Amino acid sequence: MSGAQTMSKSKTRAPDQTLEETNYLRHLAESQSHITVKLSNNEEYTGRIEFFDSSFIRLTRADAPNLFIYKHDIKYLYEVDN
């Protein structure tokens, strides 16, 4: 066997889920951290996560209506300074 075939058999596949997403969202919700959510269409919204489940997050905003954002529409999110 060649070296490439040997290496491919010894590598293990990464798990589909690590459950760290749930832990991180729980942390953000409990600490009431301000976050910015960037959607796949490049729109951005800032607020706090009030609730989340396997499909969406509820983003609470001070000066605008609250939003339910589907997770499959989120490109990424990050914490922002207050």
N, C-alpha and C. Protein backbone atom coordinates (compact mmCIF):
# COMPACT_ATOMS: atom_id res chain seq x y z
N MET A 1 0.84 -1.19 0.00
CA MET A 1 0.00 0.00 0.00
C MET A 1 0.87 1.23 0.00
N SER A 2 0.36 2.28 -0.61
CA SER A 2 1.10 3.53 -0.63
C SER A 2 0.89 4.26 0.69
N GLY A 3 1.68 5.30 0.91
CA GLY A 3 1.59 6.08 2.15
C GLY A 3 0.24 6.77 2.29
N ALA A 4 -0.35 7.23 1.18
CA ALA A 4 -1.64 7.91 1.25
C ALA A 4 -2.74 6.97 1.70
N GLN A 5 -2.70 5.71 1.24
CA GLN A 5 -3.72 4.75 1.64
C GLN A 5 -3.57 4.39 3.12
N THR A 6 -2.35 4.28 3.59
CA THR A 6 -2.10 3.96 4.99
C THR A 6 -2.60 5.08 5.89
N MET A 7 -2.33 6.34 5.51
CA MET A 7 -2.74 7.48 6.33
C MET A 7 -4.26 7.59 6.40
N SER A 8 -4.96 7.36 5.30
CA SER A 8 -6.41 7.54 5.30
C SER A 8 -7.09 6.52 6.20
N LYS A 9 -6.53 5.34 6.35
CA LYS A 9 -7.14 4.33 7.22
C LYS A 9 -6.89 4.63 8.70
N SER A 10 -5.83 5.34 9.03
CA SER A 10 -5.51 5.59 10.42
C SER A 10 -6.21 6.84 10.97
N LYS A 11 -6.72 7.70 10.10
CA LYS A 11 -7.40 8.91 10.56
C LYS A 11 -8.82 8.58 10.98
N THR A 12 -9.27 9.23 12.04
CA THR A 12 -10.65 9.06 12.47
C THR A 12 -11.46 10.27 12.02
N ARG A 13 -12.71 10.04 11.77
CA ARG A 13 -13.60 11.10 11.32
C ARG A 13 -14.01 11.97 12.51
N ALA A 14 -14.06 13.27 12.29
CA ALA A 14 -14.49 14.18 13.34
C ALA A 14 -15.97 13.95 13.64
N PRO A 15 -16.37 14.14 14.89
CA PRO A 15 -17.79 13.94 15.21
C PRO A 15 -18.66 14.99 14.52
N ASP A 16 -19.89 14.61 14.19
CA ASP A 16 -20.81 15.55 13.56
C ASP A 16 -21.17 16.69 14.50
N GLN A 17 -21.31 16.39 15.78
CA GLN A 17 -21.62 17.41 16.77
C GLN A 17 -20.77 17.20 18.01
N THR A 18 -20.29 18.32 18.56
CA THR A 18 -19.51 18.25 19.80
C THR A 18 -20.32 18.75 20.99
N LEU A 19 -21.50 19.31 20.73
CA LEU A 19 -22.37 19.90 21.74
C LEU A 19 -21.80 21.19 22.33
N GLU A 20 -20.72 21.68 21.79
CA GLU A 20 -20.15 22.94 22.28
C GLU A 20 -21.00 24.14 21.87
N GLU A 21 -21.72 24.03 20.76
CA GLU A 21 -22.61 25.12 20.34
C GLU A 21 -23.63 25.40 21.43
N THR A 22 -24.23 24.37 21.96
CA THR A 22 -25.23 24.52 23.02
C THR A 22 -24.62 25.15 24.26
N ASN A 23 -23.44 24.71 24.65
CA ASN A 23 -22.77 25.28 25.82
C ASN A 23 -22.46 26.75 25.61
N TYR A 24 -21.99 27.11 24.42
CA TYR A 24 -21.64 28.50 24.14
C TYR A 24 -22.90 29.38 24.13
N LEU A 25 -23.96 28.94 23.49
CA LEU A 25 -25.20 29.71 23.47
C LEU A 25 -25.78 29.85 24.87
N ARG A 26 -25.70 28.79 25.67
CA ARG A 26 -26.17 28.86 27.05
C ARG A 26 -25.36 29.91 27.83
N HIS A 27 -24.05 29.90 27.64
CA HIS A 27 -23.19 30.88 28.30
C HIS A 27 -23.59 32.31 27.90
N LEU A 28 -23.79 32.53 26.60
CA LEU A 28 -24.16 33.86 26.12
C LEU A 28 -25.51 34.30 26.69
N ALA A 29 -26.46 33.38 26.76
CA ALA A 29 -27.78 33.72 27.28
C ALA A 29 -27.73 34.01 28.78
N GLU A 30 -27.04 33.18 29.54
CA GLU A 30 -26.97 33.36 30.99
C GLU A 30 -26.20 34.60 31.39
N SER A 31 -25.15 34.93 30.65
CA SER A 31 -24.34 36.10 30.98
C SER A 31 -24.90 37.38 30.37
N GLN A 32 -25.98 37.25 29.58
CA GLN A 32 -26.61 38.40 28.92
C GLN A 32 -25.60 39.22 28.12
N SER A 33 -24.69 38.53 27.46
CA SER A 33 -23.66 39.18 26.64
C SER A 33 -24.28 39.80 25.41
N HIS A 34 -23.78 40.98 25.04
CA HIS A 34 -24.18 41.61 23.78
C HIS A 34 -23.47 40.88 22.66
N ILE A 35 -24.23 40.51 21.63
CA ILE A 35 -23.64 39.83 20.49
C ILE A 35 -24.10 40.50 19.20
N THR A 36 -23.34 40.28 18.16
CA THR A 36 -23.75 40.64 16.81
C THR A 36 -23.87 39.35 16.02
N VAL A 37 -24.98 39.23 15.32
CA VAL A 37 -25.24 38.06 14.49
C VAL A 37 -25.15 38.51 13.03
N LYS A 38 -24.28 37.86 12.26
CA LYS A 38 -24.19 38.14 10.83
C LYS A 38 -24.87 36.99 10.09
N LEU A 39 -25.83 37.36 9.25
CA LEU A 39 -26.58 36.36 8.51
C LEU A 39 -25.90 36.04 7.19
N SER A 40 -26.34 34.97 6.56
CA SER A 40 -25.73 34.55 5.30
C SER A 40 -25.97 35.57 4.18
N ASN A 41 -26.97 36.46 4.33
CA ASN A 41 -27.18 37.51 3.34
C ASN A 41 -26.46 38.81 3.72
N ASN A 42 -25.56 38.73 4.72
CA ASN A 42 -24.70 39.80 5.22
C ASN A 42 -25.43 40.86 6.06
N GLU A 43 -26.69 40.66 6.39
CA GLU A 43 -27.35 41.55 7.34
C GLU A 43 -26.78 41.27 8.73
N GLU A 44 -26.71 42.32 9.57
CA GLU A 44 -26.20 42.17 10.93
C GLU A 44 -27.22 42.71 11.92
N TYR A 45 -27.34 42.01 13.05
CA TYR A 45 -28.23 42.44 14.13
C TYR A 45 -27.48 42.28 15.44
N THR A 46 -27.68 43.26 16.34
CA THR A 46 -27.02 43.23 17.64
C THR A 46 -28.07 43.17 18.74
N GLY A 47 -27.80 42.37 19.75
CA GLY A 47 -28.70 42.24 20.88
C GLY A 47 -28.18 41.18 21.83
N ARG A 48 -29.11 40.59 22.58
CA ARG A 48 -28.77 39.54 23.54
C ARG A 48 -29.61 38.31 23.25
N ILE A 49 -29.02 37.15 23.46
CA ILE A 49 -29.77 35.91 23.27
C ILE A 49 -30.65 35.71 24.50
N GLU A 50 -31.95 35.66 24.27
CA GLU A 50 -32.89 35.42 25.36
C GLU A 50 -33.26 33.94 25.44
N PHE A 51 -33.34 33.30 24.27
CA PHE A 51 -33.76 31.90 24.20
C PHE A 51 -33.16 31.28 22.95
N PHE A 52 -32.94 29.97 23.00
CA PHE A 52 -32.49 29.26 21.80
C PHE A 52 -32.94 27.82 21.90
N ASP A 53 -33.05 27.18 20.74
CA ASP A 53 -33.27 25.74 20.71
C ASP A 53 -32.49 25.19 19.53
N SER A 54 -32.84 24.02 19.06
CA SER A 54 -32.05 23.40 17.99
C SER A 54 -32.21 24.08 16.64
N SER A 55 -33.25 24.91 16.48
CA SER A 55 -33.53 25.52 15.18
C SER A 55 -33.28 27.01 15.10
N PHE A 56 -33.43 27.73 16.20
CA PHE A 56 -33.35 29.19 16.13
C PHE A 56 -32.84 29.79 17.43
N ILE A 57 -32.52 31.10 17.37
CA ILE A 57 -32.22 31.88 18.57
C ILE A 57 -33.21 33.05 18.61
N ARG A 58 -33.54 33.49 19.80
CA ARG A 58 -34.34 34.70 19.96
C ARG A 58 -33.38 35.79 20.38
N LEU A 59 -33.26 36.82 19.56
CA LEU A 59 -32.37 37.94 19.81
C LEU A 59 -33.20 39.10 20.34
N THR A 60 -32.94 39.50 21.57
CA THR A 60 -33.63 40.62 22.20
C THR A 60 -32.82 41.88 21.96
N ARG A 61 -33.50 42.90 21.42
CA ARG A 61 -32.83 44.16 21.10
C ARG A 61 -33.48 45.29 21.88
N ALA A 62 -32.69 46.26 22.30
CA ALA A 62 -33.19 47.35 23.15
C ALA A 62 -34.06 48.33 22.36
N ASP A 63 -33.62 48.75 21.21
CA ASP A 63 -34.31 49.82 20.47
C ASP A 63 -35.00 49.33 19.21
N ALA A 64 -35.29 48.05 19.15
CA ALA A 64 -35.92 47.48 17.96
C ALA A 64 -36.68 46.22 18.37
N PRO A 65 -37.54 45.74 17.50
CA PRO A 65 -38.28 44.50 17.83
C PRO A 65 -37.34 43.31 18.03
N ASN A 66 -37.76 42.39 18.88
CA ASN A 66 -37.01 41.15 19.07
C ASN A 66 -37.12 40.30 17.81
N LEU A 67 -36.12 39.46 17.59
CA LEU A 67 -36.08 38.64 16.38
C LEU A 67 -35.94 37.18 16.72
N PHE A 68 -36.61 36.33 15.97
CA PHE A 68 -36.34 34.91 15.96
C PHE A 68 -35.52 34.65 14.70
N ILE A 69 -34.30 34.15 14.87
CA ILE A 69 -33.39 33.93 13.74
C ILE A 69 -33.10 32.44 13.64
N TYR A 70 -33.40 31.89 12.47
CA TYR A 70 -33.09 30.48 12.25
C TYR A 70 -31.58 30.28 12.18
N LYS A 71 -31.10 29.23 12.82
CA LYS A 71 -29.66 28.96 12.85
C LYS A 71 -29.09 28.72 11.47
N HIS A 72 -29.87 28.12 10.56
CA HIS A 72 -29.33 27.86 9.23
C HIS A 72 -29.11 29.15 8.43
N ASP A 73 -29.65 30.28 8.91
CA ASP A 73 -29.43 31.58 8.26
C ASP A 73 -28.24 32.33 8.84
N ILE A 74 -27.65 31.83 9.92
CA ILE A 74 -26.55 32.53 10.60
C ILE A 74 -25.23 32.12 9.97
N LYS A 75 -24.48 33.15 9.54
CA LYS A 75 -23.13 32.91 9.04
C LYS A 75 -22.19 32.77 10.23
N TYR A 76 -22.25 33.72 11.15
CA TYR A 76 -21.49 33.64 12.40
C TYR A 76 -22.04 34.64 13.38
N LEU A 77 -21.63 34.53 14.64
CA LEU A 77 -21.96 35.51 15.66
C LEU A 77 -20.75 35.74 16.54
N TYR A 78 -20.72 36.92 17.17
CA TYR A 78 -19.59 37.23 18.03
C TYR A 78 -20.03 38.19 19.13
N GLU A 79 -19.30 38.15 20.23
CA GLU A 79 -19.58 39.04 21.36
C GLU A 79 -19.06 40.43 21.05
N VAL A 80 -19.78 41.44 21.52
CA VAL A 80 -19.36 42.83 21.35
C VAL A 80 -19.30 43.49 22.71
N ASP A 81 -18.52 44.56 22.81
CA ASP A 81 -18.43 45.31 24.06
C ASP A 81 -19.71 46.08 24.28
N ASN A 82 -20.11 46.22 25.54
CA ASN A 82 -21.35 46.95 25.87
C ASN A 82 -21.25 48.38 25.50
